[in-house]
N, C-alpha and C. Protein backbone atom coordinates (compact mmCIF):
# COMPACT_ATOMS: atom_id res chain seq x y z
N MET A 1 -16.22 -8.61 -26.45
CA MET A 1 -15.04 -8.43 -25.84
C MET A 1 -15.11 -7.50 -24.66
N SER A 2 -14.55 -8.04 -23.73
CA SER A 2 -14.73 -7.35 -22.43
C SER A 2 -13.14 -7.07 -22.03
N LEU A 3 -13.21 -5.99 -21.43
CA LEU A 3 -12.03 -5.15 -20.85
C LEU A 3 -12.09 -5.82 -19.42
N HIS A 4 -10.94 -6.33 -18.85
CA HIS A 4 -10.88 -6.94 -17.74
C HIS A 4 -9.68 -6.26 -17.12
N THR A 5 -9.66 -5.56 -15.97
CA THR A 5 -8.55 -5.14 -15.48
C THR A 5 -8.40 -5.66 -14.04
N THR A 6 -7.35 -6.10 -13.43
CA THR A 6 -6.89 -6.44 -12.31
C THR A 6 -7.26 -5.50 -11.23
N GLN A 7 -7.73 -5.85 -10.25
CA GLN A 7 -7.93 -4.72 -8.90
C GLN A 7 -6.79 -5.76 -8.12
N TYR A 8 -6.27 -4.64 -7.20
CA TYR A 8 -5.33 -4.96 -6.15
C TYR A 8 -5.83 -4.39 -4.68
N GLN A 9 -5.31 -5.48 -3.91
CA GLN A 9 -5.33 -5.07 -2.34
C GLN A 9 -4.23 -4.67 -1.64
N VAL A 10 -4.24 -3.74 -1.03
CA VAL A 10 -2.80 -3.38 -0.57
C VAL A 10 -2.95 -4.05 1.06
N ILE A 11 -1.73 -4.58 1.57
CA ILE A 11 -1.69 -5.21 2.68
C ILE A 11 -0.53 -4.81 3.77
N ALA A 12 -0.87 -4.30 4.69
CA ALA A 12 0.38 -3.77 5.52
C ALA A 12 0.47 -4.88 6.78
N ASP A 13 1.47 -5.25 7.09
CA ASP A 13 1.94 -6.14 8.41
C ASP A 13 2.27 -5.08 9.44
N ARG A 14 1.53 -4.38 10.17
CA ARG A 14 2.00 -3.44 11.37
C ARG A 14 2.57 -4.09 11.99
N SER A 15 2.86 -5.32 12.41
CA SER A 15 3.94 -5.44 13.62
C SER A 15 5.31 -5.87 12.68
N ARG A 16 5.53 -5.68 11.31
CA ARG A 16 6.62 -5.57 10.86
C ARG A 16 7.18 -4.18 10.65
N CYS A 17 6.12 -3.17 10.69
CA CYS A 17 6.53 -2.00 10.42
C CYS A 17 7.67 -1.19 11.07
N CYS A 18 8.56 -0.59 10.71
CA CYS A 18 9.76 0.16 11.77
C CYS A 18 9.33 1.51 11.75
N GLY A 19 8.63 2.18 11.34
CA GLY A 19 8.35 3.41 10.81
C GLY A 19 9.20 4.30 10.14
N TYR A 20 9.62 4.02 9.11
CA TYR A 20 10.71 4.80 8.31
C TYR A 20 9.65 5.88 7.60
N GLY A 21 8.64 5.72 7.58
CA GLY A 21 7.57 6.32 6.68
C GLY A 21 7.89 6.67 5.22
N LEU A 22 8.47 5.77 4.63
CA LEU A 22 8.94 5.85 3.25
C LEU A 22 7.82 5.77 2.39
N CYS A 23 6.87 4.78 2.70
CA CYS A 23 5.74 4.43 2.04
C CYS A 23 4.74 5.79 1.91
N ALA A 24 4.46 6.10 3.25
CA ALA A 24 3.62 7.47 3.29
C ALA A 24 4.41 8.76 2.16
N ALA A 25 5.50 8.82 2.41
CA ALA A 25 6.30 9.93 1.60
C ALA A 25 5.71 9.67 0.08
N VAL A 26 6.05 8.24 -0.31
CA VAL A 26 5.82 8.21 -1.78
C VAL A 26 4.35 8.00 -2.08
N CYS A 27 3.39 7.71 -1.50
CA CYS A 27 1.93 7.55 -1.71
C CYS A 27 1.26 7.96 -0.44
N PRO A 28 0.94 9.02 -0.18
CA PRO A 28 0.30 9.57 0.97
C PRO A 28 -1.44 9.20 0.83
N GLU A 29 -1.87 9.14 -0.29
CA GLU A 29 -3.21 9.14 -0.45
C GLU A 29 -3.53 7.53 0.08
N ILE A 30 -2.76 6.47 0.10
CA ILE A 30 -2.96 5.07 0.71
C ILE A 30 -2.31 5.17 2.06
N TYR A 31 -0.89 5.40 2.25
CA TYR A 31 -0.26 5.16 3.32
C TYR A 31 -0.01 6.13 4.41
N LYS A 32 -0.58 6.01 5.47
CA LYS A 32 -0.36 6.90 6.65
C LYS A 32 0.42 6.76 8.00
N LEU A 33 0.69 7.37 8.63
CA LEU A 33 1.69 6.76 9.84
C LEU A 33 0.73 7.29 11.06
N ASP A 34 0.67 6.48 11.79
CA ASP A 34 -0.26 6.81 13.29
C ASP A 34 0.70 7.39 14.17
N ASP A 35 0.39 7.83 15.30
CA ASP A 35 0.88 8.82 16.40
C ASP A 35 2.35 7.65 16.84
N ASP A 36 2.36 6.84 16.59
CA ASP A 36 3.52 5.95 16.93
C ASP A 36 4.54 5.68 15.48
N GLY A 37 4.16 6.24 14.64
CA GLY A 37 4.81 6.05 13.34
C GLY A 37 4.63 4.88 12.84
N ILE A 38 3.80 4.11 12.92
CA ILE A 38 3.44 2.83 12.20
C ILE A 38 2.25 3.29 11.21
N VAL A 39 2.63 2.54 9.93
CA VAL A 39 1.58 2.56 9.03
C VAL A 39 0.58 2.03 9.01
N TYR A 40 -0.66 3.03 8.55
CA TYR A 40 -1.82 2.32 8.29
C TYR A 40 -2.43 2.52 6.99
N LEU A 41 -3.61 2.15 6.48
CA LEU A 41 -4.14 2.08 5.54
C LEU A 41 -5.24 3.05 5.47
N THR A 42 -5.36 3.88 4.21
CA THR A 42 -6.76 4.63 4.19
C THR A 42 -7.64 3.87 3.70
N ILE A 43 -7.08 2.88 2.68
CA ILE A 43 -8.04 2.17 1.79
C ILE A 43 -7.37 0.87 1.57
N ASP A 44 -7.99 0.04 1.34
CA ASP A 44 -7.28 -1.46 1.09
C ASP A 44 -7.52 -1.70 -0.32
N ARG A 45 -8.56 -1.32 -1.19
CA ARG A 45 -8.56 -1.68 -2.43
C ARG A 45 -7.80 -0.43 -3.09
N VAL A 46 -7.24 -0.89 -4.09
CA VAL A 46 -6.32 0.18 -4.90
C VAL A 46 -6.82 0.58 -6.07
N PRO A 47 -7.49 2.04 -6.31
CA PRO A 47 -7.95 2.27 -7.34
C PRO A 47 -6.89 2.55 -8.61
N PRO A 48 -7.25 2.11 -9.91
CA PRO A 48 -6.23 2.28 -11.15
C PRO A 48 -5.31 3.20 -10.91
N GLU A 49 -5.81 4.64 -10.79
CA GLU A 49 -5.32 5.69 -10.66
C GLU A 49 -3.94 5.63 -9.80
N LEU A 50 -4.19 4.95 -8.43
CA LEU A 50 -3.17 4.88 -7.57
C LEU A 50 -2.43 3.56 -7.34
N GLU A 51 -2.54 2.52 -8.27
CA GLU A 51 -1.68 1.47 -8.28
C GLU A 51 -0.32 1.65 -8.47
N GLU A 52 0.14 2.53 -9.49
CA GLU A 52 1.60 2.70 -9.63
C GLU A 52 2.33 3.46 -8.14
N GLY A 53 1.47 4.39 -7.56
CA GLY A 53 2.10 4.95 -6.29
C GLY A 53 2.07 3.65 -5.02
N ALA A 54 0.93 2.81 -5.34
CA ALA A 54 0.93 2.03 -4.11
C ALA A 54 2.00 0.90 -4.17
N ARG A 55 2.30 0.49 -5.37
CA ARG A 55 3.34 -0.20 -5.51
C ARG A 55 4.72 0.28 -5.24
N GLU A 56 5.12 1.70 -5.67
CA GLU A 56 6.29 2.23 -5.46
C GLU A 56 6.55 2.27 -3.77
N GLY A 57 5.34 2.78 -3.29
CA GLY A 57 5.20 2.96 -1.66
C GLY A 57 5.46 1.53 -0.96
N ALA A 58 5.34 0.46 -1.37
CA ALA A 58 5.27 -0.95 -0.88
C ALA A 58 6.68 -1.31 -0.94
N ALA A 59 7.12 -0.89 -2.19
CA ALA A 59 8.52 -1.47 -2.69
C ALA A 59 9.59 -0.48 -1.71
N ALA A 60 9.15 0.67 -1.29
CA ALA A 60 10.22 1.38 -0.56
C ALA A 60 10.24 1.10 0.78
N CYS A 61 9.35 0.42 1.25
CA CYS A 61 9.36 -0.31 2.58
C CYS A 61 10.82 -1.31 2.91
N PRO A 62 11.56 -0.62 3.87
CA PRO A 62 12.91 -1.42 4.00
C PRO A 62 12.52 -2.59 4.79
N ALA A 63 11.25 -2.65 5.59
CA ALA A 63 11.10 -3.87 6.34
C ALA A 63 10.01 -4.83 5.53
N GLU A 64 9.85 -4.42 4.41
CA GLU A 64 9.12 -5.39 3.72
C GLU A 64 7.73 -5.62 4.29
N ALA A 65 6.91 -4.70 4.85
CA ALA A 65 5.97 -4.76 5.61
C ALA A 65 4.65 -4.45 4.95
N ILE A 66 4.78 -4.31 3.64
CA ILE A 66 3.61 -3.93 2.72
C ILE A 66 3.75 -4.25 1.36
N TRP A 67 2.48 -5.09 0.97
CA TRP A 67 2.67 -5.79 -0.21
C TRP A 67 1.17 -5.77 -1.08
N LEU A 68 1.22 -5.80 -2.31
CA LEU A 68 -0.14 -5.83 -3.06
C LEU A 68 -0.39 -7.30 -3.42
N GLU A 69 -1.94 -7.60 -3.31
CA GLU A 69 -2.22 -8.75 -3.90
C GLU A 69 -3.40 -8.70 -4.79
N ALA A 70 -3.52 -9.44 -6.06
CA ALA A 70 -4.38 -9.55 -6.75
C ALA A 70 -5.91 -9.76 -6.07
N ILE A 71 -7.11 -9.35 -6.25
CA ILE A 71 -8.33 -9.32 -5.89
C ILE A 71 -8.89 -10.70 -6.79
N THR A 72 -9.53 -11.62 -6.04
CA THR A 72 -10.16 -12.21 -6.97
C THR A 72 -11.53 -12.68 -6.46
N ASP A 73 -12.53 -11.79 -7.30
CA ASP A 73 -13.80 -11.92 -6.72
C ASP A 73 -14.64 -11.65 -7.80
């Protein structure tokens, strides 16, 4: 019996980012804002312990510029 956990990749469409910063406020371990206030990612593969924060940060984005996708490798 093997334990299989799904890993996720976080994706940010910087062209859609409006700079609200809610993602970074919710999950600063993954989401940061550059000097122009546009989101960038500190990592792209989400560790299991940050998955909830990554999801909440993505959901907080009013521009829907951030989402998580399952990694299939």
